[in-house]
Amino acid sequence: GTPKWGLNDVRPRDFERHLQVAADQGWSFVTPAEVLAEPDKQQLALTFDDGLTSVLTNAVPVLRHHGIPATAFVVTGWADHAPPGFEGLVLDWPGVNALGDSGLTLASHSVTHPDFGRLGPAEARRELEESRERMRQMLGIVTDEFAIPLGQSGNWTEAAGQAAARARYRTVYAQSVNTRPAGTIPRT
């Protein structure tokens, strides 16, 4: 967890308990692609946003202990330089690389974590293309997965969806299930 942010904070002990409850109820842990391929199976895909240090220090040991796959969506500009107040909370490139080395799939979450609902088409395209390119430069990864920052229907526009397609993202995840933007995949 990241207690300083005061949201989405789960202690490692509770995280491990949540995983056990899911396993006890018959859920299996797979990648997002596997969930998409077989949506009617009782499967969970774990994802983490932003490239937070706590994912590496707290979540990864639990995931590795139980052999559970996960995906981390990385804000590439934060890996380049932590924003003021985020020092120590977000991973630099060696830290992001360590996530990949630990077995997590790495994918894009933009350059600066903007609200795409407020961006013009050119700025949306820049965020999408530069994030994808930076991951290729720094990690040798060519990703086609993108998670919308903030993730709600108002945080994405049709123009952003078109920019994502032009930037060669095949899968765009939104947090809302029932009100997600057209062309996105639900993620809760």
Protein backbone atom coordinates (compact mmCIF):
# COMPACT_ATOMS: atom_id res chain seq x y z
CA GLY A 1 0.00 0.00 0.00
CA THR A 2 0.83 3.65 -0.19
CA PRO A 3 -0.58 5.11 3.04
CA LYS A 4 0.60 8.62 2.12
CA TRP A 5 -1.98 8.72 -0.68
CA GLY A 6 -4.81 7.55 1.57
CA LEU A 7 -6.65 5.58 -1.09
CA ASN A 8 -6.46 2.10 -2.54
CA ASP A 9 -4.14 1.25 0.34
CA VAL A 10 -4.06 -2.44 1.28
CA ARG A 11 -1.52 -3.84 3.71
CA PRO A 12 0.42 -6.86 2.39
CA ARG A 13 -1.12 -9.10 5.06
CA ASP A 14 -4.64 -8.09 3.94
CA PHE A 15 -3.69 -8.40 0.27
CA GLU A 16 -2.54 -11.97 0.87
CA ARG A 17 -5.78 -12.71 2.75
CA HIS A 18 -7.85 -11.32 -0.15
CA LEU A 19 -6.00 -13.57 -2.58
CA GLN A 20 -6.62 -16.58 -0.35
CA VAL A 21 -10.35 -15.82 -0.09
CA ALA A 22 -10.56 -15.64 -3.89
CA ALA A 23 -8.65 -18.92 -4.29
CA ASP A 24 -10.84 -20.60 -1.66
CA GLN A 25 -13.91 -19.52 -3.64
CA GLY A 26 -12.58 -21.22 -6.76
CA TRP A 27 -11.02 -18.30 -8.61
CA SER A 28 -7.80 -18.80 -10.53
CA PHE A 29 -5.30 -16.04 -11.24
CA VAL A 30 -4.36 -15.39 -14.85
CA THR A 31 -3.28 -12.55 -17.13
CA PRO A 32 -5.75 -9.98 -18.49
CA ALA A 33 -5.38 -11.59 -21.94
CA GLU A 34 -6.50 -14.93 -20.51
CA VAL A 35 -9.57 -13.34 -18.92
CA LEU A 36 -10.42 -11.71 -22.25
CA ALA A 37 -9.95 -15.01 -24.10
CA GLU A 38 -12.24 -16.92 -21.72
CA PRO A 39 -14.55 -14.37 -20.05
CA ASP A 40 -16.96 -16.98 -18.69
CA LYS A 41 -14.34 -18.77 -16.60
CA GLN A 42 -13.89 -17.96 -12.91
CA GLN A 43 -10.61 -16.07 -13.38
CA LEU A 44 -9.05 -12.93 -11.94
CA ALA A 45 -6.35 -10.77 -13.45
CA LEU A 46 -4.50 -8.53 -11.01
CA THR A 47 -3.38 -5.11 -12.22
CA PHE A 48 -1.55 -2.23 -10.57
CA ASP A 49 -1.44 1.35 -11.79
CA ASP A 50 1.20 4.07 -11.81
CA GLY A 51 4.45 2.15 -11.17
CA LEU A 52 4.38 2.56 -7.41
CA THR A 53 7.25 1.50 -5.18
CA SER A 54 4.80 -0.34 -2.93
CA VAL A 55 3.98 -2.75 -5.74
CA LEU A 56 7.61 -3.84 -5.89
CA THR A 57 8.20 -3.90 -2.14
CA ASN A 58 4.84 -5.16 -0.87
CA ALA A 59 2.81 -6.84 -3.62
CA VAL A 60 5.52 -8.62 -5.60
CA PRO A 61 6.74 -10.78 -2.68
CA VAL A 62 3.17 -11.99 -2.06
CA LEU A 63 2.53 -12.60 -5.76
CA ARG A 64 5.80 -14.50 -6.21
CA HIS A 65 5.19 -16.59 -3.08
CA HIS A 66 1.87 -17.76 -4.51
CA GLY A 67 2.91 -17.86 -8.18
CA ILE A 68 0.28 -15.30 -9.19
CA PRO A 69 0.72 -13.28 -12.41
CA ALA A 70 -0.02 -9.56 -12.52
CA THR A 71 0.27 -6.55 -14.80
CA ALA A 72 1.68 -3.13 -13.87
CA PHE A 73 0.60 -0.08 -15.87
CA VAL A 74 3.48 2.41 -15.70
CA VAL A 75 3.47 6.22 -15.92
CA THR A 76 6.67 6.64 -17.91
CA GLY A 77 7.28 10.30 -17.07
CA TRP A 78 7.19 9.43 -13.38
CA ALA A 79 9.83 6.75 -13.97
CA ASP A 80 11.96 9.43 -15.66
CA HIS A 81 11.52 11.95 -12.81
CA ALA A 82 9.25 11.59 -9.78
CA PRO A 83 6.89 14.57 -9.53
CA PRO A 84 7.29 16.79 -6.44
CA GLY A 85 5.90 14.96 -3.44
CA PHE A 86 6.10 11.58 -5.17
CA GLU A 87 9.78 10.94 -4.43
CA GLY A 88 10.15 7.42 -3.08
CA LEU A 89 6.52 6.59 -3.93
CA VAL A 90 7.03 5.90 -7.65
CA LEU A 91 9.61 3.64 -9.23
CA ASP A 92 12.45 4.87 -11.40
CA TRP A 93 13.44 2.84 -14.46
CA PRO A 94 15.61 0.35 -12.54
CA GLY A 95 12.63 -0.21 -10.23
CA VAL A 96 10.23 -0.64 -13.14
CA ASN A 97 12.70 -3.08 -14.68
CA ALA A 98 12.73 -4.99 -11.38
CA LEU A 99 8.93 -5.34 -11.66
CA GLY A 100 9.40 -6.93 -15.06
CA ASP A 101 12.23 -9.12 -13.78
CA SER A 102 9.93 -10.32 -10.99
CA GLY A 103 7.51 -11.64 -13.58
CA LEU A 104 4.98 -8.84 -13.86
CA THR A 105 3.78 -7.85 -17.31
CA LEU A 106 4.48 -4.16 -17.93
CA ALA A 107 2.15 -1.93 -19.92
CA SER A 108 1.44 1.75 -20.50
CA HIS A 109 -0.43 4.24 -18.29
CA SER A 110 0.63 7.45 -20.12
CA VAL A 111 3.55 9.87 -19.73
CA THR A 112 2.09 12.26 -17.12
CA HIS A 113 -1.15 10.60 -15.88
CA PRO A 114 -3.47 13.24 -17.35
CA ASP A 115 -7.24 13.27 -17.54
CA PHE A 116 -7.65 12.28 -21.20
CA GLY A 117 -11.18 13.66 -21.06
CA ARG A 118 -9.63 17.14 -20.97
CA LEU A 119 -6.95 16.63 -23.62
CA GLY A 120 -7.17 17.60 -27.25
CA PRO A 121 -6.48 14.94 -29.89
CA ALA A 122 -2.83 15.97 -30.46
CA GLU A 123 -1.97 15.96 -26.75
CA ALA A 124 -3.74 12.60 -26.24
CA ARG A 125 -1.77 11.11 -29.11
CA ARG A 126 1.50 12.50 -27.72
CA GLU A 127 0.82 10.96 -24.28
CA LEU A 128 -0.01 7.59 -25.81
CA GLU A 129 2.81 7.42 -28.37
CA GLU A 130 5.54 8.80 -26.11
CA SER A 131 4.65 6.44 -23.28
CA ARG A 132 4.75 3.43 -25.57
CA GLU A 133 8.04 4.56 -27.12
CA ARG A 134 9.64 5.29 -23.74
CA MET A 135 8.84 1.76 -22.55
CA ARG A 136 10.49 0.41 -25.68
CA GLN A 137 13.57 2.59 -25.16
CA MET A 138 14.03 1.90 -21.46
CA LEU A 139 12.82 -1.70 -21.16
CA GLY A 140 12.85 -3.16 -24.65
CA ILE A 141 9.10 -3.75 -24.31
CA VAL A 142 6.63 -3.07 -27.09
CA THR A 143 3.27 -2.97 -25.36
CA ASP A 144 -0.15 -2.85 -26.95
CA GLU A 145 -2.01 -2.47 -23.63
CA PHE A 146 -3.01 0.84 -22.06
CA ALA A 147 -4.91 1.63 -18.86
CA ILE A 148 -6.76 4.95 -18.83
CA PRO A 149 -5.52 7.22 -16.01
CA LEU A 150 -8.37 7.82 -13.56
CA GLY A 151 -10.23 5.22 -15.65
CA GLN A 152 -13.79 6.50 -15.64
CA SER A 153 -16.02 7.22 -18.64
CA GLY A 154 -15.47 10.98 -18.36
CA ASN A 155 -11.70 10.48 -18.49
CA TRP A 156 -11.67 9.25 -22.08
CA THR A 157 -12.94 10.65 -25.35
CA GLU A 158 -13.61 9.27 -28.79
CA ALA A 159 -10.59 11.26 -30.00
CA ALA A 160 -8.44 9.59 -27.32
CA GLY A 161 -9.68 6.20 -28.48
CA GLN A 162 -8.74 7.06 -32.05
CA ALA A 163 -5.31 8.24 -30.89
CA ALA A 164 -4.82 4.97 -28.99
CA ALA A 165 -5.61 3.01 -32.13
CA ARG A 166 -3.17 5.13 -34.18
CA ALA A 167 -0.52 4.55 -31.49
CA ARG A 168 -1.08 0.78 -31.98
CA TYR A 169 -2.70 -0.02 -28.65
CA ARG A 170 -4.93 -3.05 -29.13
CA THR A 171 -6.40 -3.13 -25.62
CA VAL A 172 -7.49 -0.08 -23.63
CA TYR A 173 -8.72 -0.71 -20.08
CA ALA A 174 -11.27 1.45 -18.27
CA GLN A 175 -12.22 1.03 -14.62
CA SER A 176 -15.95 1.38 -15.02
CA VAL A 177 -17.75 -1.76 -16.13
CA ASN A 178 -21.23 -0.59 -17.12
CA THR A 179 -20.43 2.98 -18.19
CA ARG A 180 -17.05 2.52 -19.82
CA PRO A 181 -16.24 4.32 -23.06
CA ALA A 182 -16.88 2.49 -26.32
CA GLY A 183 -14.00 0.30 -27.43
CA THR A 184 -12.54 -0.18 -23.94
CA ILE A 185 -12.25 -3.27 -21.76
CA PRO A 186 -13.73 -3.20 -18.24
CA ARG A 187 -11.36 -3.40 -15.29
CA THR A 188 -12.48 -3.16 -11.69
